[in-house]
Amino acid sequence: MWRGTQEIYGWILNFQGLLVPFPLCDKCKVHLGFVNAYNSVKDYVHDHIDKLLKLHPTAKIAVTGHSLGAALATISALDLQDLYNGIVA
């Protein structure tokens, strides 16, 4: 679960509103601050999901969030769906 804006770093991300191409979706653009925020933790997320899937190989992943967290949840859901091919619920 991704949380919403609570600290100054989140507000800085919110104001980086330039739209940039999103490689996982043809003709899609994504908010620069949101994709930068996700990219800053993406490897951490992947590592932990890898570990959890080794323990629970048939598990499904649900991704949620509120406010800024909803934007991060959307980006991460697309990333995880692409990476893990079908386990995002």
N, C-alpha and C. Protein backbone atom coordinates (compact mmCIF):
# COMPACT_ATOMS: atom_id res chain seq x y z
N MET A 1 0.84 -1.17 0.00
CA MET A 1 0.00 0.00 0.00
C MET A 1 0.89 1.24 0.00
N TRP A 2 0.55 2.17 -0.85
CA TRP A 2 1.29 3.42 -0.95
C TRP A 2 0.50 4.51 -0.22
N ARG A 3 1.18 5.32 0.53
CA ARG A 3 0.48 6.37 1.26
C ARG A 3 0.51 7.69 0.49
N GLY A 4 -0.35 8.58 0.89
CA GLY A 4 -0.45 9.89 0.24
C GLY A 4 0.62 10.85 0.74
N THR A 5 0.55 12.07 0.24
CA THR A 5 1.52 13.09 0.59
C THR A 5 1.43 13.44 2.07
N GLN A 6 2.55 13.30 2.77
CA GLN A 6 2.58 13.63 4.19
C GLN A 6 3.79 14.48 4.56
N GLU A 7 4.78 14.53 3.70
CA GLU A 7 6.00 15.26 4.01
C GLU A 7 6.36 16.17 2.85
N ILE A 8 7.32 17.05 3.07
CA ILE A 8 7.72 18.02 2.05
C ILE A 8 8.20 17.33 0.78
N TYR A 9 8.87 16.17 0.90
CA TYR A 9 9.34 15.44 -0.27
C TYR A 9 8.17 15.10 -1.19
N GLY A 10 7.05 14.70 -0.61
CA GLY A 10 5.87 14.38 -1.40
C GLY A 10 5.33 15.58 -2.15
N TRP A 11 5.36 16.74 -1.51
CA TRP A 11 4.89 17.96 -2.19
C TRP A 11 5.83 18.34 -3.33
N ILE A 12 7.11 18.15 -3.13
CA ILE A 12 8.07 18.43 -4.21
C ILE A 12 7.76 17.53 -5.41
N LEU A 13 7.48 16.27 -5.15
CA LEU A 13 7.12 15.35 -6.23
C LEU A 13 5.84 15.79 -6.93
N ASN A 14 4.86 16.23 -6.14
CA ASN A 14 3.58 16.66 -6.70
C ASN A 14 3.75 17.81 -7.69
N PHE A 15 4.72 18.67 -7.45
CA PHE A 15 4.92 19.85 -8.31
C PHE A 15 5.79 19.56 -9.54
N GLN A 16 6.33 18.36 -9.66
CA GLN A 16 7.10 17.98 -10.86
C GLN A 16 6.12 17.42 -11.88
N GLY A 17 5.26 18.30 -12.40
CA GLY A 17 4.12 17.87 -13.19
C GLY A 17 4.34 17.65 -14.67
N LEU A 18 5.55 17.74 -15.15
CA LEU A 18 5.82 17.49 -16.56
C LEU A 18 5.40 16.07 -16.92
N LEU A 19 4.72 15.91 -18.04
CA LEU A 19 4.33 14.57 -18.49
C LEU A 19 5.42 14.01 -19.38
N VAL A 20 5.81 12.76 -19.09
CA VAL A 20 6.87 12.09 -19.85
C VAL A 20 6.34 10.75 -20.35
N PRO A 21 6.92 10.22 -21.44
CA PRO A 21 6.48 8.91 -21.94
C PRO A 21 6.65 7.82 -20.89
N PHE A 22 5.71 6.89 -20.89
CA PHE A 22 5.76 5.75 -19.96
C PHE A 22 6.00 4.50 -20.79
N PRO A 23 7.13 3.85 -20.61
CA PRO A 23 7.52 2.75 -21.51
C PRO A 23 6.62 1.52 -21.48
N LEU A 24 5.82 1.36 -20.45
CA LEU A 24 4.98 0.15 -20.35
C LEU A 24 3.61 0.32 -20.99
N CYS A 25 3.39 1.45 -21.63
CA CYS A 25 2.08 1.73 -22.22
C CYS A 25 2.28 2.58 -23.46
N ASP A 26 1.91 2.04 -24.61
CA ASP A 26 2.05 2.79 -25.86
C ASP A 26 1.23 4.08 -25.80
N LYS A 27 1.84 5.16 -26.21
CA LYS A 27 1.20 6.47 -26.30
C LYS A 27 0.75 7.03 -24.95
N CYS A 28 1.23 6.45 -23.85
CA CYS A 28 0.88 6.95 -22.51
C CYS A 28 1.96 7.91 -22.02
N LYS A 29 1.51 8.84 -21.20
CA LYS A 29 2.45 9.73 -20.52
C LYS A 29 2.14 9.67 -19.03
N VAL A 30 3.18 9.93 -18.24
CA VAL A 30 3.04 9.85 -16.79
C VAL A 30 3.69 11.08 -16.16
N HIS A 31 3.19 11.46 -15.02
CA HIS A 31 3.68 12.60 -14.24
C HIS A 31 5.13 12.33 -13.81
N LEU A 32 6.04 13.22 -14.17
CA LEU A 32 7.47 13.03 -13.90
C LEU A 32 7.76 12.78 -12.42
N GLY A 33 7.16 13.55 -11.53
CA GLY A 33 7.42 13.38 -10.11
C GLY A 33 6.97 12.02 -9.60
N PHE A 34 5.83 11.55 -10.10
CA PHE A 34 5.32 10.26 -9.66
C PHE A 34 6.21 9.12 -10.14
N VAL A 35 6.62 9.17 -11.41
CA VAL A 35 7.47 8.09 -11.92
C VAL A 35 8.86 8.14 -11.28
N ASN A 36 9.36 9.33 -10.99
CA ASN A 36 10.65 9.43 -10.28
C ASN A 36 10.55 8.84 -8.88
N ALA A 37 9.45 9.10 -8.21
CA ALA A 37 9.25 8.55 -6.87
C ALA A 37 9.22 7.02 -6.92
N TYR A 38 8.48 6.47 -7.87
CA TYR A 38 8.42 5.01 -7.97
C TYR A 38 9.77 4.43 -8.34
N ASN A 39 10.45 5.05 -9.29
CA ASN A 39 11.75 4.53 -9.71
C ASN A 39 12.76 4.54 -8.57
N SER A 40 12.60 5.46 -7.62
CA SER A 40 13.54 5.54 -6.50
C SER A 40 13.40 4.36 -5.54
N VAL A 41 12.27 3.66 -5.57
CA VAL A 41 12.06 2.51 -4.67
C VAL A 41 11.77 1.21 -5.42
N LYS A 42 11.76 1.27 -6.74
CA LYS A 42 11.38 0.11 -7.55
C LYS A 42 12.23 -1.12 -7.25
N ASP A 43 13.53 -0.98 -7.16
CA ASP A 43 14.38 -2.14 -6.88
C ASP A 43 14.08 -2.75 -5.52
N TYR A 44 13.83 -1.91 -4.54
CA TYR A 44 13.45 -2.37 -3.19
C TYR A 44 12.14 -3.17 -3.26
N VAL A 45 11.17 -2.65 -3.98
CA VAL A 45 9.88 -3.33 -4.13
C VAL A 45 10.08 -4.69 -4.81
N HIS A 46 10.83 -4.70 -5.91
CA HIS A 46 11.07 -5.96 -6.63
C HIS A 46 11.77 -6.99 -5.75
N ASP A 47 12.78 -6.55 -5.01
CA ASP A 47 13.51 -7.48 -4.12
C ASP A 47 12.59 -8.11 -3.10
N HIS A 48 11.73 -7.30 -2.50
CA HIS A 48 10.84 -7.83 -1.47
C HIS A 48 9.76 -8.73 -2.05
N ILE A 49 9.26 -8.38 -3.20
CA ILE A 49 8.26 -9.25 -3.83
C ILE A 49 8.90 -10.57 -4.24
N ASP A 50 10.12 -10.53 -4.76
CA ASP A 50 10.83 -11.77 -5.09
C ASP A 50 10.94 -12.68 -3.87
N LYS A 51 11.31 -12.09 -2.74
CA LYS A 51 11.44 -12.89 -1.51
C LYS A 51 10.11 -13.47 -1.07
N LEU A 52 9.06 -12.66 -1.14
CA LEU A 52 7.74 -13.14 -0.74
C LEU A 52 7.22 -14.23 -1.67
N LEU A 53 7.49 -14.09 -2.96
CA LEU A 53 7.03 -15.11 -3.91
C LEU A 53 7.77 -16.43 -3.75
N LYS A 54 8.98 -16.39 -3.25
CA LYS A 54 9.69 -17.64 -2.97
C LYS A 54 9.01 -18.38 -1.82
N LEU A 55 8.49 -17.62 -0.86
CA LEU A 55 7.78 -18.23 0.27
C LEU A 55 6.35 -18.61 -0.09
N HIS A 56 5.73 -17.85 -0.98
CA HIS A 56 4.32 -18.05 -1.36
C HIS A 56 4.19 -17.96 -2.88
N PRO A 57 4.62 -18.99 -3.59
CA PRO A 57 4.70 -18.92 -5.06
C PRO A 57 3.37 -18.75 -5.79
N THR A 58 2.25 -19.06 -5.15
CA THR A 58 0.96 -18.91 -5.83
C THR A 58 0.22 -17.63 -5.43
N ALA A 59 0.89 -16.77 -4.67
CA ALA A 59 0.25 -15.55 -4.17
C ALA A 59 -0.06 -14.59 -5.31
N LYS A 60 -1.09 -13.79 -5.08
CA LYS A 60 -1.43 -12.67 -5.97
C LYS A 60 -1.02 -11.38 -5.27
N ILE A 61 -0.78 -10.34 -6.03
CA ILE A 61 -0.39 -9.05 -5.48
C ILE A 61 -1.51 -8.05 -5.69
N ALA A 62 -1.90 -7.36 -4.63
CA ALA A 62 -2.87 -6.26 -4.72
C ALA A 62 -2.12 -4.98 -4.39
N VAL A 63 -2.35 -3.94 -5.18
CA VAL A 63 -1.65 -2.68 -5.00
C VAL A 63 -2.69 -1.59 -4.77
N THR A 64 -2.56 -0.84 -3.67
CA THR A 64 -3.51 0.23 -3.37
C THR A 64 -2.76 1.47 -2.92
N GLY A 65 -3.46 2.58 -2.88
CA GLY A 65 -2.87 3.81 -2.39
C GLY A 65 -3.88 4.93 -2.37
N HIS A 66 -3.54 6.01 -1.70
CA HIS A 66 -4.41 7.18 -1.59
C HIS A 66 -3.62 8.42 -1.98
N SER A 67 -4.21 9.29 -2.77
CA SER A 67 -3.61 10.55 -3.17
C SER A 67 -2.32 10.27 -3.95
N LEU A 68 -1.19 10.79 -3.52
CA LEU A 68 0.09 10.48 -4.15
C LEU A 68 0.27 8.97 -4.21
N GLY A 69 -0.14 8.28 -3.18
CA GLY A 69 -0.04 6.83 -3.14
C GLY A 69 -0.85 6.14 -4.23
N ALA A 70 -1.97 6.74 -4.64
CA ALA A 70 -2.76 6.16 -5.73
C ALA A 70 -2.00 6.25 -7.04
N ALA A 71 -1.31 7.35 -7.26
CA ALA A 71 -0.48 7.48 -8.47
C ALA A 71 0.63 6.44 -8.45
N LEU A 72 1.28 6.28 -7.31
CA LEU A 72 2.35 5.28 -7.19
C LEU A 72 1.80 3.86 -7.32
N ALA A 73 0.62 3.63 -6.80
CA ALA A 73 0.00 2.31 -6.92
C ALA A 73 -0.29 1.99 -8.39
N THR A 74 -0.74 2.96 -9.15
CA THR A 74 -1.04 2.74 -10.56
C THR A 74 0.23 2.41 -11.33
N ILE A 75 1.28 3.20 -11.11
CA ILE A 75 2.55 2.97 -11.79
C ILE A 75 3.13 1.61 -11.38
N SER A 76 3.10 1.32 -10.09
CA SER A 76 3.68 0.06 -9.64
C SER A 76 2.86 -1.14 -10.12
N ALA A 77 1.54 -1.01 -10.21
CA ALA A 77 0.73 -2.11 -10.70
C ALA A 77 1.09 -2.45 -12.14
N LEU A 78 1.29 -1.43 -12.97
CA LEU A 78 1.70 -1.67 -14.35
C LEU A 78 3.08 -2.31 -14.42
N ASP A 79 3.99 -1.80 -13.61
CA ASP A 79 5.35 -2.34 -13.58
C ASP A 79 5.35 -3.80 -13.11
N LEU A 80 4.63 -4.06 -12.04
CA LEU A 80 4.60 -5.42 -11.48
C LEU A 80 3.87 -6.38 -12.40
N GLN A 81 2.82 -5.92 -13.06
CA GLN A 81 2.10 -6.77 -14.02
C GLN A 81 3.03 -7.15 -15.16
N ASP A 82 3.83 -6.18 -15.62
CA ASP A 82 4.78 -6.46 -16.69
C ASP A 82 5.88 -7.40 -16.22
N LEU A 83 6.42 -7.18 -15.04
CA LEU A 83 7.54 -7.96 -14.53
C LEU A 83 7.15 -9.38 -14.14
N TYR A 84 6.02 -9.50 -13.45
CA TYR A 84 5.63 -10.80 -12.92
C TYR A 84 4.51 -11.47 -13.71
N ASN A 85 4.12 -10.89 -14.83
CA ASN A 85 3.23 -11.48 -15.80
C ASN A 85 1.97 -12.14 -15.20
N GLY A 86 1.07 -11.30 -14.72
CA GLY A 86 -0.24 -11.83 -14.37
C GLY A 86 -0.54 -12.06 -12.92
N ILE A 87 0.33 -11.69 -12.00
CA ILE A 87 0.03 -11.97 -10.60
C ILE A 87 -0.55 -10.77 -9.85
N VAL A 88 -0.70 -9.65 -10.54
CA VAL A 88 -1.28 -8.47 -9.90
C VAL A 88 -2.78 -8.58 -9.97
N ALA A 89 -3.43 -8.53 -8.79
CA ALA A 89 -4.89 -8.67 -8.73
C ALA A 89 -5.55 -7.32 -8.86
